[in-house]
Amino acid sequence: MSIKRPQFVNNEIYHVVVRSVDESLIFKDESDYYRGIFCIYEFNTTEPIEIWKQRKKRKTIKAGKKAYIDTRNPFVEILTFCFMPNHIHLLLRQIKKNGITDFMRKVGTGYSHYFNKKYSRKGHLFQGRFNAVHIQDNEQLKNTFVYIHVNPVSLVEPSWKEKGVKDPSKVVKFLESYKWSSFLDYIGTANFKSVTNRDFILQVMEGEEGCRESITAWLKYKGELAQIIPFELE
């Protein structure tokens, strides 16, 4: 049964998840991840754009050592993001009417065109509808912040959901080096800092150290859970 999406309201925050068709890969190499990051930044505008022109513009500015001037008219504020091999998590604040829907359509169409052309494929890349959850309060916001940024745990400990986190310290190091999420920027390591609007969440999470501690505490709890609960081995 399909899950009914909430009505999107300006200045409200939503956790958005978009998945690939049949759980297939949407990021096959590093260049795909970079293109995905570029897409969520550049397509976040009401104005029509062509990616190749934006890339050329950036190269010209960089070569001339000039400052990049952001002229976008954004649909949303991107608060957090996490790219996984077959799905994407976004925490968005809508700032234009129908902004989330228009933004997701633009990103989905643009990235799919790039991916299909690169890998000589046809058809849909993403499932038809993205899922969205309305964030009701700061407690839910904190939990969602953690949930989004610990998603990559499954890449190093695939069975953590059933058996807990076996090596929290190893996983913390992995997350602090995982390039394809906003977590690094939230703990003070410049990564893709122009993509996200972080001031509000940094206030809620009590700064960069609060962001780091929330993740560390969650992983430690999952590690202790693995020792306490007698999981059945398959």
Protein backbone atom coordinates (compact mmCIF):
# COMPACT_ATOMS: atom_id res chain seq x y z
CA MET A 1 0.00 0.00 0.00
CA SER A 2 1.41 3.39 -0.97
CA ILE A 3 2.16 5.95 1.72
CA LYS A 4 0.28 9.22 1.36
CA ARG A 5 2.65 12.16 1.14
CA PRO A 6 2.01 15.17 3.37
CA GLN A 7 0.89 18.46 1.93
CA PHE A 8 4.01 20.59 1.53
CA VAL A 9 3.82 23.92 3.33
CA ASN A 10 6.29 26.78 3.00
CA ASN A 11 8.82 27.13 5.83
CA GLU A 12 8.11 23.59 7.07
CA ILE A 13 10.76 20.86 7.07
CA TYR A 14 10.44 17.43 5.43
CA HIS A 15 12.54 14.28 5.29
CA VAL A 16 12.53 13.18 1.66
CA VAL A 17 13.72 9.83 0.34
CA VAL A 18 13.99 8.87 -3.33
CA ARG A 19 14.92 5.33 -4.36
CA SER A 20 16.03 3.69 -7.56
CA VAL A 21 13.87 1.34 -9.58
CA ASP A 22 14.37 -2.29 -8.41
CA GLU A 23 17.08 -1.21 -5.93
CA SER A 24 19.54 -0.79 -8.81
CA LEU A 25 22.62 1.42 -8.43
CA ILE A 26 22.20 5.10 -9.14
CA PHE A 27 25.83 5.91 -8.29
CA LYS A 28 28.34 3.54 -9.87
CA ASP A 29 31.53 5.54 -9.44
CA GLU A 30 32.90 8.69 -7.85
CA SER A 31 32.01 10.88 -10.82
CA ASP A 32 28.34 9.87 -10.44
CA TYR A 33 28.34 11.00 -6.81
CA TYR A 34 29.93 14.31 -7.77
CA ARG A 35 27.32 14.77 -10.49
CA GLY A 36 24.55 14.03 -7.98
CA ILE A 37 25.89 16.67 -5.59
CA PHE A 38 26.18 19.14 -8.45
CA CYS A 39 22.57 18.39 -9.44
CA ILE A 40 21.00 19.01 -6.04
CA TYR A 41 22.83 22.33 -5.87
CA GLU A 42 22.37 23.62 -9.42
CA PHE A 43 18.80 22.38 -9.96
CA ASN A 44 17.65 24.10 -6.79
CA THR A 45 16.39 27.11 -8.71
CA THR A 46 13.17 28.19 -10.36
CA GLU A 47 15.14 29.29 -13.41
CA PRO A 48 15.82 26.86 -16.28
CA ILE A 49 19.46 25.77 -16.41
CA GLU A 50 21.73 23.52 -18.45
CA ILE A 51 24.35 21.68 -16.44
CA TRP A 52 27.06 21.90 -19.08
CA LYS A 53 26.73 25.69 -19.13
CA GLN A 54 26.97 25.84 -15.33
CA ARG A 55 30.08 23.64 -15.33
CA LYS A 56 31.69 25.79 -18.03
CA LYS A 57 30.82 28.93 -16.07
CA ARG A 58 32.40 27.54 -12.91
CA LYS A 59 35.58 26.51 -14.74
CA THR A 60 35.88 29.98 -16.26
CA ILE A 61 35.42 31.64 -12.88
CA LYS A 62 37.92 29.28 -11.24
CA ALA A 63 40.50 29.86 -13.98
CA GLY A 64 40.16 33.62 -13.55
CA LYS A 65 40.31 33.23 -9.76
CA LYS A 66 37.08 35.16 -9.35
CA ALA A 67 34.46 34.69 -6.64
CA TYR A 68 31.42 32.62 -7.63
CA ILE A 69 28.20 34.66 -7.31
CA ASP A 70 25.13 32.60 -6.50
CA THR A 71 22.27 33.86 -8.65
CA ARG A 72 19.85 30.98 -8.00
CA ASN A 73 16.24 31.50 -6.95
CA PRO A 74 15.91 28.33 -4.84
CA PHE A 75 12.87 26.09 -4.38
CA VAL A 76 14.09 24.78 -1.02
CA GLU A 77 16.74 25.02 1.64
CA ILE A 78 18.76 21.81 1.70
CA LEU A 79 19.45 21.20 5.39
CA THR A 80 21.07 17.77 5.19
CA PHE A 81 21.68 15.11 2.57
CA CYS A 82 23.10 11.61 2.26
CA PHE A 83 23.75 9.75 -0.98
CA MET A 84 23.67 5.95 -0.84
CA PRO A 85 24.39 3.61 -3.76
CA ASN A 86 20.68 3.12 -4.56
CA HIS A 87 18.84 5.94 -2.78
CA ILE A 88 19.08 9.52 -1.53
CA HIS A 89 18.05 11.13 1.76
CA LEU A 90 17.32 14.85 1.91
CA LEU A 91 16.12 17.11 4.72
CA LEU A 92 14.42 20.05 3.04
CA ARG A 93 12.70 23.25 4.08
CA GLN A 94 10.27 24.42 1.40
CA ILE A 95 10.57 28.12 0.59
CA LYS A 96 8.55 28.32 -2.66
CA LYS A 97 5.03 27.05 -3.29
CA ASN A 98 5.31 23.47 -4.65
CA GLY A 99 9.05 23.87 -4.13
CA ILE A 100 9.81 20.34 -2.94
CA THR A 101 7.82 18.71 -5.73
CA ASP A 102 9.36 20.94 -8.41
CA PHE A 103 12.86 20.51 -7.00
CA MET A 104 12.61 16.71 -6.84
CA ARG A 105 11.20 16.56 -10.37
CA LYS A 106 14.02 18.72 -11.70
CA VAL A 107 16.74 16.73 -9.91
CA GLY A 108 15.24 13.39 -10.92
CA THR A 109 14.91 14.33 -14.58
CA GLY A 110 18.34 15.96 -14.80
CA TYR A 111 20.30 13.21 -13.08
CA SER A 112 18.42 10.44 -14.91
CA HIS A 113 19.29 12.03 -18.26
CA TYR A 114 22.97 12.12 -17.29
CA PHE A 115 22.97 8.53 -15.97
CA ASN A 116 21.08 7.02 -18.91
CA LYS A 117 23.33 8.73 -21.43
CA LYS A 118 26.52 7.71 -19.61
CA TYR A 119 25.52 4.05 -19.20
CA SER A 120 23.57 3.67 -22.48
CA ARG A 121 20.33 2.75 -20.75
CA LYS A 122 16.70 3.73 -21.19
CA GLY A 123 13.72 4.11 -18.92
CA HIS A 124 13.11 5.35 -15.41
CA LEU A 125 16.00 5.49 -12.96
CA PHE A 126 14.01 6.46 -9.86
CA GLN A 127 10.77 5.10 -8.48
CA GLY A 128 7.80 7.20 -9.58
CA ARG A 129 7.08 8.82 -6.22
CA PHE A 130 9.45 9.99 -3.53
CA ASN A 131 8.55 9.49 0.12
CA ALA A 132 8.30 12.44 2.50
CA VAL A 133 7.75 12.85 6.24
CA HIS A 134 6.81 16.15 7.84
CA ILE A 135 9.13 17.07 10.73
CA GLN A 136 6.87 18.10 13.61
CA ASP A 137 9.29 19.25 16.33
CA ASN A 138 12.95 19.60 17.32
CA GLU A 139 13.13 16.12 18.84
CA GLN A 140 12.03 14.56 15.58
CA LEU A 141 14.44 16.85 13.75
CA LYS A 142 17.37 15.64 15.88
CA ASN A 143 16.43 12.00 15.36
CA THR A 144 16.11 12.52 11.62
CA PHE A 145 19.47 14.31 11.49
CA VAL A 146 21.08 11.25 13.08
CA TYR A 147 19.11 8.76 10.98
CA ILE A 148 20.12 10.40 7.71
CA HIS A 149 23.79 10.60 8.58
CA VAL A 150 24.14 7.04 9.93
CA ASN A 151 22.72 5.50 6.76
CA PRO A 152 26.23 4.70 5.42
CA VAL A 153 26.80 2.39 8.43
CA SER A 154 25.27 -0.39 6.31
CA LEU A 155 28.20 -0.10 3.90
CA VAL A 156 30.66 -1.28 6.56
CA GLU A 157 28.35 -3.30 8.83
CA PRO A 158 25.55 -4.66 6.59
CA SER A 159 23.71 -6.46 9.42
CA TRP A 160 23.75 -3.65 12.00
CA LYS A 161 19.95 -3.28 11.96
CA GLU A 162 19.55 -6.90 13.10
CA LYS A 163 22.65 -7.32 15.24
CA GLY A 164 23.66 -3.83 16.33
CA VAL A 165 26.91 -2.00 15.63
CA LYS A 166 29.81 -4.32 16.42
CA ASP A 167 32.64 -1.76 16.23
CA PRO A 168 31.35 1.78 16.97
CA SER A 169 34.82 3.41 16.87
CA LYS A 170 35.48 1.98 13.40
CA VAL A 171 32.11 3.16 12.17
CA VAL A 172 32.63 6.67 13.57
CA LYS A 173 35.89 6.95 11.64
CA PHE A 174 34.13 5.72 8.51
CA LEU A 175 31.31 8.28 8.82
CA GLU A 176 33.83 11.07 9.44
CA SER A 177 35.45 10.20 6.11
CA TYR A 178 32.29 9.46 4.11
CA LYS A 179 32.28 12.17 1.48
CA TRP A 180 28.76 11.80 0.11
CA SER A 181 26.76 13.33 2.93
CA SER A 182 26.50 16.64 4.76
CA PHE A 183 27.92 15.20 8.00
CA LEU A 184 31.47 16.42 7.38
CA ASP A 185 30.31 20.01 6.93
CA TYR A 186 28.29 19.72 10.16
CA ILE A 187 31.36 18.71 12.17
CA GLY A 188 33.56 21.45 10.74
CA THR A 189 35.30 19.61 7.90
CA ALA A 190 34.71 21.53 4.67
CA ASN A 191 33.25 19.20 2.07
CA PHE A 192 30.27 20.53 0.09
CA LYS A 193 29.57 23.52 2.31
CA SER A 194 27.73 25.57 -0.33
CA VAL A 195 25.07 22.87 -0.77
CA THR A 196 23.47 23.03 2.69
CA ASN A 197 21.96 25.71 4.91
CA ARG A 198 23.27 24.62 8.32
CA ASP A 199 22.64 27.50 10.75
CA PHE A 200 19.25 26.33 12.04
CA ILE A 201 20.23 22.71 12.63
CA LEU A 202 23.54 23.69 14.19
CA GLN A 203 21.53 25.74 16.66
CA VAL A 204 19.16 22.84 17.41
CA MET A 205 22.03 20.32 17.68
CA GLU A 206 24.08 22.71 19.84
CA GLY A 207 26.91 23.25 17.40
CA GLU A 208 29.43 21.09 15.58
CA GLU A 209 30.35 19.16 18.70
CA GLY A 210 26.69 18.42 19.39
CA CYS A 211 26.34 17.01 15.87
CA ARG A 212 29.36 14.78 16.40
CA GLU A 213 28.24 13.66 19.85
CA SER A 214 24.73 12.78 18.67
CA ILE A 215 26.15 10.37 16.08
CA THR A 216 28.76 8.92 18.47
CA ALA A 217 26.16 8.35 21.20
CA TRP A 218 23.81 6.61 18.78
CA LEU A 219 26.55 4.28 17.54
CA LYS A 220 27.68 3.52 21.09
CA TYR A 221 24.11 2.65 22.03
CA LYS A 222 23.82 0.34 19.04
CA GLY A 223 27.11 -1.27 20.01
CA GLU A 224 25.89 -1.92 23.56
CA LEU A 225 22.62 -3.24 22.16
CA ALA A 226 24.54 -5.83 20.14
CA GLN A 227 26.08 -7.16 23.36
CA ILE A 228 22.86 -7.14 25.42
CA ILE A 229 20.38 -8.65 22.97
CA PRO A 230 20.98 -12.35 22.12
CA PHE A 231 20.52 -12.07 18.35
CA GLU A 232 19.89 -15.29 16.49
CA LEU A 233 22.60 -16.10 13.98
CA GLU A 234 21.36 -17.16 10.56
